[in-house]
Amino acid sequence: MIEHVSQETKLQYERIVGEVRETLRLAGIPLTDRKGNSGAHVYIDTFLNAGSEGGSEGVYVEWLSSAELMAKVDDCAERSDFENPVLPFADAVLDAVRTMLRDVLEGAGWRASLDDVGVHEEGVRVFGRSGPAPGLD
């Protein structure tokens, strides 16, 4: 997916990913690489709407809840058990953690947004630093 942007942009996104991961690690937030572990997954999207005004291209942080919780959600969906209290609980967890991730990143000097761009509705979009972050660099 990276090939849809310039080498300079690719390097800038990779630098941001590394710095965002370090910020979250410093805050004590677990990181994951999407291989079944829960935690914050920091990644680059350069595929959809790459280079377009207002597109989804950029760096994102997505929260992955525990495999156990997600299995319960999947089970409810398979059984069409949409009244099960695990569903609003899973939504509340995701909403709370997304807000916390945004707030932690903004507190560290990052520009971050929860705005839904149509593809990453469960992620936090990171645009870059809004200024120096004393003691974090």
C-alpha atoms as a PDB file:
ATOM      1  CA  MET A   1       0.000   0.000   0.000  1.00  0.00           C
ATOM      2  CA  ILE A   2       2.889   2.376   0.641  1.00  0.00           C
ATOM      3  CA  GLU A   3       3.665   2.617  -3.096  1.00  0.00           C
ATOM      4  CA  HIS A   4       0.737   5.038  -3.533  1.00  0.00           C
ATOM      5  CA  VAL A   5       2.693   7.863  -1.895  1.00  0.00           C
ATOM      6  CA  SER A   6       6.097   9.411  -2.442  1.00  0.00           C
ATOM      7  CA  GLN A   7       9.162   7.999  -0.706  1.00  0.00           C
ATOM      8  CA  GLU A   8       9.349  11.211   1.335  1.00  0.00           C
ATOM      9  CA  THR A   9       5.752  10.819   2.542  1.00  0.00           C
ATOM     10  CA  LYS A  10       6.341   7.145   3.307  1.00  0.00           C
ATOM     11  CA  LEU A  11       9.342   8.019   5.461  1.00  0.00           C
ATOM     12  CA  GLN A  12       7.382  10.781   7.223  1.00  0.00           C
ATOM     13  CA  TYR A  13       4.534   8.371   8.042  1.00  0.00           C
ATOM     14  CA  GLU A  14       6.973   5.718   9.269  1.00  0.00           C
ATOM     15  CA  ARG A  15       8.647   8.295  11.529  1.00  0.00           C
ATOM     16  CA  ILE A  16       5.267   9.339  12.938  1.00  0.00           C
ATOM     17  CA  VAL A  17       4.331   5.678  13.578  1.00  0.00           C
ATOM     18  CA  GLY A  18       7.545   5.156  15.533  1.00  0.00           C
ATOM     19  CA  GLU A  19       7.086   8.313  17.585  1.00  0.00           C
ATOM     20  CA  VAL A  20       3.413   7.588  18.301  1.00  0.00           C
ATOM     21  CA  ARG A  21       4.295   4.053  19.399  1.00  0.00           C
ATOM     22  CA  GLU A  22       6.965   5.476  21.725  1.00  0.00           C
ATOM     23  CA  THR A  23       4.479   8.006  23.137  1.00  0.00           C
ATOM     24  CA  LEU A  24       1.940   5.264  23.892  1.00  0.00           C
ATOM     25  CA  ARG A  25       4.614   2.953  25.316  1.00  0.00           C
ATOM     26  CA  LEU A  26       5.818   5.747  27.590  1.00  0.00           C
ATOM     27  CA  ALA A  27       2.225   6.231  28.792  1.00  0.00           C
ATOM     28  CA  GLY A  28       2.003   2.520  29.657  1.00  0.00           C
ATOM     29  CA  ILE A  29      -0.499   1.661  26.941  1.00  0.00           C
ATOM     30  CA  PRO A  30       0.054  -1.845  25.546  1.00  0.00           C
ATOM     31  CA  LEU A  31       0.940  -2.036  21.861  1.00  0.00           C
ATOM     32  CA  THR A  32       0.027  -4.817  19.459  1.00  0.00           C
ATOM     33  CA  ASP A  33       0.713  -5.832  15.891  1.00  0.00           C
ATOM     34  CA  ARG A  34      -2.799  -7.256  15.282  1.00  0.00           C
ATOM     35  CA  LYS A  35      -1.737 -10.860  15.871  1.00  0.00           C
ATOM     36  CA  GLY A  36      -4.400 -11.705  18.422  1.00  0.00           C
ATOM     37  CA  ASN A  37      -3.142  -9.533  21.272  1.00  0.00           C
ATOM     38  CA  SER A  38      -5.135  -6.671  22.715  1.00  0.00           C
ATOM     39  CA  GLY A  39      -3.676  -3.187  22.716  1.00  0.00           C
ATOM     40  CA  ALA A  40      -3.059  -0.178  20.504  1.00  0.00           C
ATOM     41  CA  HIS A  41      -2.203  -0.930  16.889  1.00  0.00           C
ATOM     42  CA  VAL A  42      -0.419   1.956  15.122  1.00  0.00           C
ATOM     43  CA  TYR A  43      -0.420   1.734  11.336  1.00  0.00           C
ATOM     44  CA  ILE A  44      -0.264   3.592   8.037  1.00  0.00           C
ATOM     45  CA  ASP A  45      -3.056   3.738   5.463  1.00  0.00           C
ATOM     46  CA  THR A  46      -1.990   4.995   2.050  1.00  0.00           C
ATOM     47  CA  PHE A  47      -4.361   2.971  -0.060  1.00  0.00           C
ATOM     48  CA  LEU A  48      -7.843   4.487   0.006  1.00  0.00           C
ATOM     49  CA  ASN A  49      -8.150   8.000  -1.418  1.00  0.00           C
ATOM     50  CA  ALA A  50      -4.381   8.331  -1.397  1.00  0.00           C
ATOM     51  CA  GLY A  51      -3.396  11.911  -2.040  1.00  0.00           C
ATOM     52  CA  SER A  52      -6.967  13.206  -2.302  1.00  0.00           C
ATOM     53  CA  GLU A  53      -8.230  16.178  -0.345  1.00  0.00           C
ATOM     54  CA  GLY A  54      -9.914  14.931   2.824  1.00  0.00           C
ATOM     55  CA  GLY A  55      -9.033  11.305   2.077  1.00  0.00           C
ATOM     56  CA  SER A  56      -8.192   8.607   4.567  1.00  0.00           C
ATOM     57  CA  GLU A  57      -4.450   8.549   3.918  1.00  0.00           C
ATOM     58  CA  GLY A  58      -2.359   8.828   7.061  1.00  0.00           C
ATOM     59  CA  VAL A  59      -1.372   7.330  10.397  1.00  0.00           C
ATOM     60  CA  TYR A  60      -3.951   5.673  12.638  1.00  0.00           C
ATOM     61  CA  VAL A  61      -4.151   4.127  16.092  1.00  0.00           C
ATOM     62  CA  GLU A  62      -6.784   1.445  16.528  1.00  0.00           C
ATOM     63  CA  TRP A  63      -7.703  -0.249  19.800  1.00  0.00           C
ATOM     64  CA  LEU A  64      -7.989  -4.025  19.742  1.00  0.00           C
ATOM     65  CA  SER A  65      -9.968  -5.440  22.647  1.00  0.00           C
ATOM     66  CA  SER A  66      -9.154  -8.846  24.089  1.00  0.00           C
ATOM     67  CA  ALA A  67      -9.732 -11.928  21.980  1.00  0.00           C
ATOM     68  CA  GLU A  68     -12.101 -13.161  24.690  1.00  0.00           C
ATOM     69  CA  LEU A  69     -14.324 -10.073  24.460  1.00  0.00           C
ATOM     70  CA  MET A  70     -14.334 -10.145  20.667  1.00  0.00           C
ATOM     71  CA  ALA A  71     -15.247 -13.868  20.684  1.00  0.00           C
ATOM     72  CA  LYS A  72     -18.234 -13.039  22.904  1.00  0.00           C
ATOM     73  CA  VAL A  73     -19.294 -10.284  20.481  1.00  0.00           C
ATOM     74  CA  ASP A  74     -18.934 -12.647  17.518  1.00  0.00           C
ATOM     75  CA  ASP A  75     -20.944 -15.310  19.328  1.00  0.00           C
ATOM     76  CA  CYS A  76     -23.777 -12.838  19.978  1.00  0.00           C
ATOM     77  CA  ALA A  77     -23.793 -11.830  16.309  1.00  0.00           C
ATOM     78  CA  GLU A  78     -23.851 -15.443  15.121  1.00  0.00           C
ATOM     79  CA  ARG A  79     -26.811 -16.188  17.413  1.00  0.00           C
ATOM     80  CA  SER A  80     -28.535 -12.878  16.537  1.00  0.00           C
ATOM     81  CA  ASP A  81     -28.511 -12.145  20.268  1.00  0.00           C
ATOM     82  CA  PHE A  82     -28.516  -8.369  19.886  1.00  0.00           C
ATOM     83  CA  GLU A  83     -29.954  -7.788  23.378  1.00  0.00           C
ATOM     84  CA  ASN A  84     -26.935  -9.355  25.098  1.00  0.00           C
ATOM     85  CA  PRO A  85     -25.281  -6.872  27.497  1.00  0.00           C
ATOM     86  CA  VAL A  86     -21.832  -7.789  26.161  1.00  0.00           C
ATOM     87  CA  LEU A  87     -22.559  -5.750  23.003  1.00  0.00           C
ATOM     88  CA  PRO A  88     -23.033  -2.346  24.667  1.00  0.00           C
ATOM     89  CA  PHE A  89     -20.125  -3.201  26.980  1.00  0.00           C
ATOM     90  CA  ALA A  90     -17.827  -3.832  23.989  1.00  0.00           C
ATOM     91  CA  ASP A  91     -18.990  -0.557  22.398  1.00  0.00           C
ATOM     92  CA  ALA A  92     -18.402   1.336  25.661  1.00  0.00           C
ATOM     93  CA  VAL A  93     -14.890  -0.099  25.935  1.00  0.00           C
ATOM     94  CA  LEU A  94     -14.052   0.915  22.376  1.00  0.00           C
ATOM     95  CA  ASP A  95     -15.495   4.426  22.760  1.00  0.00           C
ATOM     96  CA  ALA A  96     -13.721   5.015  26.076  1.00  0.00           C
ATOM     97  CA  VAL A  97     -10.356   3.738  24.892  1.00  0.00           C
ATOM     98  CA  ARG A  98     -10.516   5.673  21.596  1.00  0.00           C
ATOM     99  CA  THR A  99     -11.198   8.871  23.526  1.00  0.00           C
ATOM    100  CA  MET A 100      -8.393   8.070  25.971  1.00  0.00           C
ATOM    101  CA  LEU A 101      -5.949   7.385  23.125  1.00  0.00           C
ATOM    102  CA  ARG A 102      -6.807  10.697  21.488  1.00  0.00           C
ATOM    103  CA  ASP A 103      -6.463  12.562  24.788  1.00  0.00           C
ATOM    104  CA  VAL A 104      -3.101  10.926  25.598  1.00  0.00           C
ATOM    105  CA  LEU A 105      -1.758  11.731  22.135  1.00  0.00           C
ATOM    106  CA  GLU A 106      -2.980  15.324  22.284  1.00  0.00           C
ATOM    107  CA  GLY A 107      -1.461  15.667  25.765  1.00  0.00           C
ATOM    108  CA  ALA A 108       1.873  14.629  24.266  1.00  0.00           C
ATOM    109  CA  GLY A 109       1.635  17.281  21.562  1.00  0.00           C
ATOM    110  CA  TRP A 110       0.102  15.294  18.712  1.00  0.00           C
ATOM    111  CA  ARG A 111      -2.772  16.510  16.548  1.00  0.00           C
ATOM    112  CA  ALA A 112      -5.288  13.659  16.638  1.00  0.00           C
ATOM    113  CA  SER A 113      -8.910  13.201  15.641  1.00  0.00           C
ATOM    114  CA  LEU A 114     -11.766  10.758  16.136  1.00  0.00           C
ATOM    115  CA  ASP A 115     -13.494  11.989  12.971  1.00  0.00           C
ATOM    116  CA  ASP A 116     -14.869   9.150  10.864  1.00  0.00           C
ATOM    117  CA  VAL A 117     -13.431   9.271   7.352  1.00  0.00           C
ATOM    118  CA  GLY A 118     -15.561   6.329   6.276  1.00  0.00           C
ATOM    119  CA  VAL A 119     -12.936   3.640   6.654  1.00  0.00           C
ATOM    120  CA  HIS A 120     -11.321   3.997  10.068  1.00  0.00           C
ATOM    121  CA  GLU A 121     -14.370   4.675  12.204  1.00  0.00           C
ATOM    122  CA  GLU A 122     -12.785   2.759  15.085  1.00  0.00           C
ATOM    123  CA  GLY A 123      -9.399   4.469  14.836  1.00  0.00           C
ATOM    124  CA  VAL A 124      -7.747   7.660  15.975  1.00  0.00           C
ATOM    125  CA  ARG A 125      -6.164   9.594  13.114  1.00  0.00           C
ATOM    126  CA  VAL A 126      -2.802  11.198  13.895  1.00  0.00           C
ATOM    127  CA  PHE A 127      -1.813  14.207  11.814  1.00  0.00           C
ATOM    128  CA  GLY A 128       1.551  15.109  13.334  1.00  0.00           C
ATOM    129  CA  ARG A 129       2.853  17.265  16.139  1.00  0.00           C
ATOM    130  CA  SER A 130       1.018  20.425  17.098  1.00  0.00           C
ATOM    131  CA  GLY A 131       4.186  21.650  18.776  1.00  0.00           C
ATOM    132  CA  PRO A 132       7.107  20.463  20.829  1.00  0.00           C
ATOM    133  CA  ALA A 133       6.469  17.857  23.470  1.00  0.00           C
ATOM    134  CA  PRO A 134       8.916  18.729  26.263  1.00  0.00           C
ATOM    135  CA  GLY A 135      10.544  15.679  27.786  1.00  0.00           C
ATOM    136  CA  LEU A 136       9.093  13.210  25.277  1.00  0.00           C
ATOM    137  CA  ASP A 137      11.623  13.621  22.465  1.00  0.00           C
END
